[in-house]
Amino acid sequence: MPPQSSPALPLNVTPSGNAPGTRPTAAASAAPSTTANTVKAPVNPSDISSPHELTAFVESLLEQLDAKFDDMSSQILDRMNQMSSRVDALEVSIQDIINSDATAVPSSPASPVPTHRPA
């Protein structure tokens, strides 16, 4: 029998916005930067006053979206791999049951079965 695996768990999905009444963490409010020369994107979209700031803000959002997409993709692939291994284990178990039933049927019974002769 295959080892017991853990039950299916929900994906770790975090909402993109913060719940009302909570403050964003420093890591969540900081905009990632790809080069040293880029200006830090403003946290609040209404603070954008130039096309450069808008570009930096959009780039920051796209990077955050890309990171979340990569994380979600890896979680989905991990789940699919877990499911695949569980299906494989189930197939092996079913095949073992079929094989054990097939070998039990052809064996000779413990006591002979009387045959009926037509009268």
C-alpha atoms as a PDB file:
ATOM      1  CA  MET A   1       0.000   0.000   0.000  1.00  0.00           C
ATOM      2  CA  PRO A   2       1.414   3.462  -0.879  1.00  0.00           C
ATOM      3  CA  PRO A   3       2.382   5.820   1.924  1.00  0.00           C
ATOM      4  CA  GLN A   4      -0.315   8.176   3.087  1.00  0.00           C
ATOM      5  CA  SER A   5       0.119  11.618   1.615  1.00  0.00           C
ATOM      6  CA  SER A   6      -1.080  14.852   3.091  1.00  0.00           C
ATOM      7  CA  PRO A   7      -4.571  16.050   2.147  1.00  0.00           C
ATOM      8  CA  ALA A   8      -4.889  18.701  -0.504  1.00  0.00           C
ATOM      9  CA  LEU A   9      -4.126  22.138   0.864  1.00  0.00           C
ATOM     10  CA  PRO A  10      -5.262  25.471  -0.575  1.00  0.00           C
ATOM     11  CA  LEU A  11      -2.792  27.547  -2.544  1.00  0.00           C
ATOM     12  CA  ASN A  12      -1.065  30.336  -0.666  1.00  0.00           C
ATOM     13  CA  VAL A  13      -2.695  33.277  -2.382  1.00  0.00           C
ATOM     14  CA  THR A  14      -2.379  36.705  -0.844  1.00  0.00           C
ATOM     15  CA  PRO A  15      -4.686  39.549  -1.817  1.00  0.00           C
ATOM     16  CA  SER A  16      -3.109  42.300  -3.890  1.00  0.00           C
ATOM     17  CA  GLY A  17      -4.498  45.030  -1.664  1.00  0.00           C
ATOM     18  CA  ASN A  18      -4.438  45.311   2.098  1.00  0.00           C
ATOM     19  CA  ALA A  19      -7.501  44.773   4.210  1.00  0.00           C
ATOM     20  CA  PRO A  20      -9.239  47.942   5.398  1.00  0.00           C
ATOM     21  CA  GLY A  21      -7.707  49.247   8.595  1.00  0.00           C
ATOM     22  CA  THR A  22      -4.310  47.609   8.065  1.00  0.00           C
ATOM     23  CA  ARG A  23      -1.081  49.285   7.085  1.00  0.00           C
ATOM     24  CA  PRO A  24       1.092  47.928   4.289  1.00  0.00           C
ATOM     25  CA  THR A  25       4.386  46.426   5.346  1.00  0.00           C
ATOM     26  CA  ALA A  26       7.639  48.036   4.351  1.00  0.00           C
ATOM     27  CA  ALA A  27       8.398  45.187   1.942  1.00  0.00           C
ATOM     28  CA  ALA A  28       4.999  45.465   0.285  1.00  0.00           C
ATOM     29  CA  SER A  29       5.164  49.223  -0.168  1.00  0.00           C
ATOM     30  CA  ALA A  30       8.715  49.318  -1.511  1.00  0.00           C
ATOM     31  CA  ALA A  31       8.945  49.291  -5.291  1.00  0.00           C
ATOM     32  CA  PRO A  32      11.551  46.923  -6.719  1.00  0.00           C
ATOM     33  CA  SER A  33      14.231  48.556  -8.855  1.00  0.00           C
ATOM     34  CA  THR A  34      16.114  46.878 -11.685  1.00  0.00           C
ATOM     35  CA  THR A  35      18.851  49.494 -12.093  1.00  0.00           C
ATOM     36  CA  ALA A  36      20.556  51.935  -9.756  1.00  0.00           C
ATOM     37  CA  ASN A  37      19.602  54.951 -11.924  1.00  0.00           C
ATOM     38  CA  THR A  38      15.823  54.460 -11.818  1.00  0.00           C
ATOM     39  CA  VAL A  39      13.689  56.639  -9.613  1.00  0.00           C
ATOM     40  CA  LYS A  40      11.712  54.861  -6.890  1.00  0.00           C
ATOM     41  CA  ALA A  41       8.107  54.617  -8.020  1.00  0.00           C
ATOM     42  CA  PRO A  42       5.598  56.449  -5.848  1.00  0.00           C
ATOM     43  CA  VAL A  43       3.386  54.255  -3.676  1.00  0.00           C
ATOM     44  CA  ASN A  44       0.248  56.259  -4.396  1.00  0.00           C
ATOM     45  CA  PRO A  45      -0.760  56.567  -8.082  1.00  0.00           C
ATOM     46  CA  SER A  46      -2.173  60.052  -7.455  1.00  0.00           C
ATOM     47  CA  ASP A  47       1.365  61.248  -6.535  1.00  0.00           C
ATOM     48  CA  ILE A  48       2.587  60.666 -10.101  1.00  0.00           C
ATOM     49  CA  SER A  49       3.448  63.994 -11.709  1.00  0.00           C
ATOM     50  CA  SER A  50       5.684  63.140 -14.664  1.00  0.00           C
ATOM     51  CA  PRO A  51       5.834  60.590 -17.468  1.00  0.00           C
ATOM     52  CA  HIS A  52       9.065  59.207 -15.972  1.00  0.00           C
ATOM     53  CA  GLU A  53       7.356  58.563 -12.638  1.00  0.00           C
ATOM     54  CA  LEU A  54       4.430  56.926 -14.460  1.00  0.00           C
ATOM     55  CA  THR A  55       6.825  54.677 -16.361  1.00  0.00           C
ATOM     56  CA  ALA A  56       8.616  53.720 -13.132  1.00  0.00           C
ATOM     57  CA  PHE A  57       5.292  53.055 -11.398  1.00  0.00           C
ATOM     58  CA  VAL A  58       3.985  50.865 -14.238  1.00  0.00           C
ATOM     59  CA  GLU A  59       7.295  48.997 -14.404  1.00  0.00           C
ATOM     60  CA  SER A  60       7.109  48.393 -10.671  1.00  0.00           C
ATOM     61  CA  LEU A  61       3.577  47.050 -10.965  1.00  0.00           C
ATOM     62  CA  LEU A  62       4.571  44.788 -13.845  1.00  0.00           C
ATOM     63  CA  GLU A  63       7.517  43.416 -11.850  1.00  0.00           C
ATOM     64  CA  GLN A  64       5.243  42.718  -8.891  1.00  0.00           C
ATOM     65  CA  LEU A  65       2.733  41.036 -11.189  1.00  0.00           C
ATOM     66  CA  ASP A  66       5.488  38.959 -12.781  1.00  0.00           C
ATOM     67  CA  ALA A  67       6.771  37.853  -9.369  1.00  0.00           C
ATOM     68  CA  LYS A  68       3.262  36.870  -8.250  1.00  0.00           C
ATOM     69  CA  PHE A  69       2.680  35.027 -11.516  1.00  0.00           C
ATOM     70  CA  ASP A  70       5.950  33.108 -11.130  1.00  0.00           C
ATOM     71  CA  ASP A  71       5.056  32.194  -7.545  1.00  0.00           C
ATOM     72  CA  MET A  72       1.569  31.059  -8.528  1.00  0.00           C
ATOM     73  CA  SER A  73       2.922  29.096 -11.486  1.00  0.00           C
ATOM     74  CA  SER A  74       5.393  27.249  -9.289  1.00  0.00           C
ATOM     75  CA  GLN A  75       2.651  26.468  -6.752  1.00  0.00           C
ATOM     76  CA  ILE A  76       0.401  25.111  -9.502  1.00  0.00           C
ATOM     77  CA  LEU A  77       3.215  23.010 -10.978  1.00  0.00           C
ATOM     78  CA  ASP A  78       4.050  21.641  -7.520  1.00  0.00           C
ATOM     79  CA  ARG A  79       0.405  20.690  -7.011  1.00  0.00           C
ATOM     80  CA  MET A  80       0.246  19.042 -10.410  1.00  0.00           C
ATOM     81  CA  ASN A  81       3.375  17.019  -9.617  1.00  0.00           C
ATOM     82  CA  GLN A  82       1.904  15.964  -6.267  1.00  0.00           C
ATOM     83  CA  MET A  83      -1.343  14.974  -7.964  1.00  0.00           C
ATOM     84  CA  SER A  84       0.551  13.051 -10.630  1.00  0.00           C
ATOM     85  CA  SER A  85       2.476  11.047  -8.046  1.00  0.00           C
ATOM     86  CA  ARG A  86      -0.741  10.320  -6.133  1.00  0.00           C
ATOM     87  CA  VAL A  87      -2.459   9.140  -9.328  1.00  0.00           C
ATOM     88  CA  ASP A  88       0.555   6.931 -10.097  1.00  0.00           C
ATOM     89  CA  ALA A  89       0.394   5.429  -6.600  1.00  0.00           C
ATOM     90  CA  LEU A  90      -3.344   4.849  -7.016  1.00  0.00           C
ATOM     91  CA  GLU A  91      -2.782   3.096 -10.356  1.00  0.00           C
ATOM     92  CA  VAL A  92      -0.148   0.844  -8.761  1.00  0.00           C
ATOM     93  CA  SER A  93      -2.520   0.010  -5.895  1.00  0.00           C
ATOM     94  CA  ILE A  94      -5.348  -0.809  -8.289  1.00  0.00           C
ATOM     95  CA  GLN A  95      -3.036  -2.987 -10.380  1.00  0.00           C
ATOM     96  CA  ASP A  96      -1.880  -4.815  -7.222  1.00  0.00           C
ATOM     97  CA  ILE A  97      -5.510  -5.463  -6.247  1.00  0.00           C
ATOM     98  CA  ILE A  98      -6.320  -6.749  -9.743  1.00  0.00           C
ATOM     99  CA  ASN A  99      -3.233  -8.993  -9.728  1.00  0.00           C
ATOM    100  CA  SER A 100      -4.012 -10.402  -6.276  1.00  0.00           C
ATOM    101  CA  ASP A 101      -7.632 -11.123  -7.313  1.00  0.00           C
ATOM    102  CA  ALA A 102      -6.496 -12.743 -10.561  1.00  0.00           C
ATOM    103  CA  THR A 103      -4.109 -15.092  -8.760  1.00  0.00           C
ATOM    104  CA  ALA A 104      -6.712 -16.050  -6.135  1.00  0.00           C
ATOM    105  CA  VAL A 105      -9.396 -17.123  -8.650  1.00  0.00           C
ATOM    106  CA  PRO A 106      -7.535 -19.869 -10.607  1.00  0.00           C
ATOM    107  CA  SER A 107      -6.245 -21.643  -7.501  1.00  0.00           C
ATOM    108  CA  SER A 108      -7.903 -24.945  -6.666  1.00  0.00           C
ATOM    109  CA  PRO A 109     -10.628 -24.793  -3.995  1.00  0.00           C
ATOM    110  CA  ALA A 110      -9.996 -26.360  -0.587  1.00  0.00           C
ATOM    111  CA  SER A 111     -12.732 -28.991  -1.024  1.00  0.00           C
ATOM    112  CA  PRO A 112     -13.789 -30.572  -4.299  1.00  0.00           C
ATOM    113  CA  VAL A 113     -17.010 -29.295  -5.777  1.00  0.00           C
ATOM    114  CA  PRO A 114     -19.479 -32.057  -6.597  1.00  0.00           C
ATOM    115  CA  THR A 115     -20.464 -32.195 -10.210  1.00  0.00           C
ATOM    116  CA  HIS A 116     -24.073 -32.712 -11.189  1.00  0.00           C
ATOM    117  CA  ARG A 117     -24.838 -35.371 -13.718  1.00  0.00           C
ATOM    118  CA  PRO A 118     -27.779 -34.903 -15.989  1.00  0.00           C
ATOM    119  CA  ALA A 119     -30.551 -37.394 -15.283  1.00  0.00           C
END
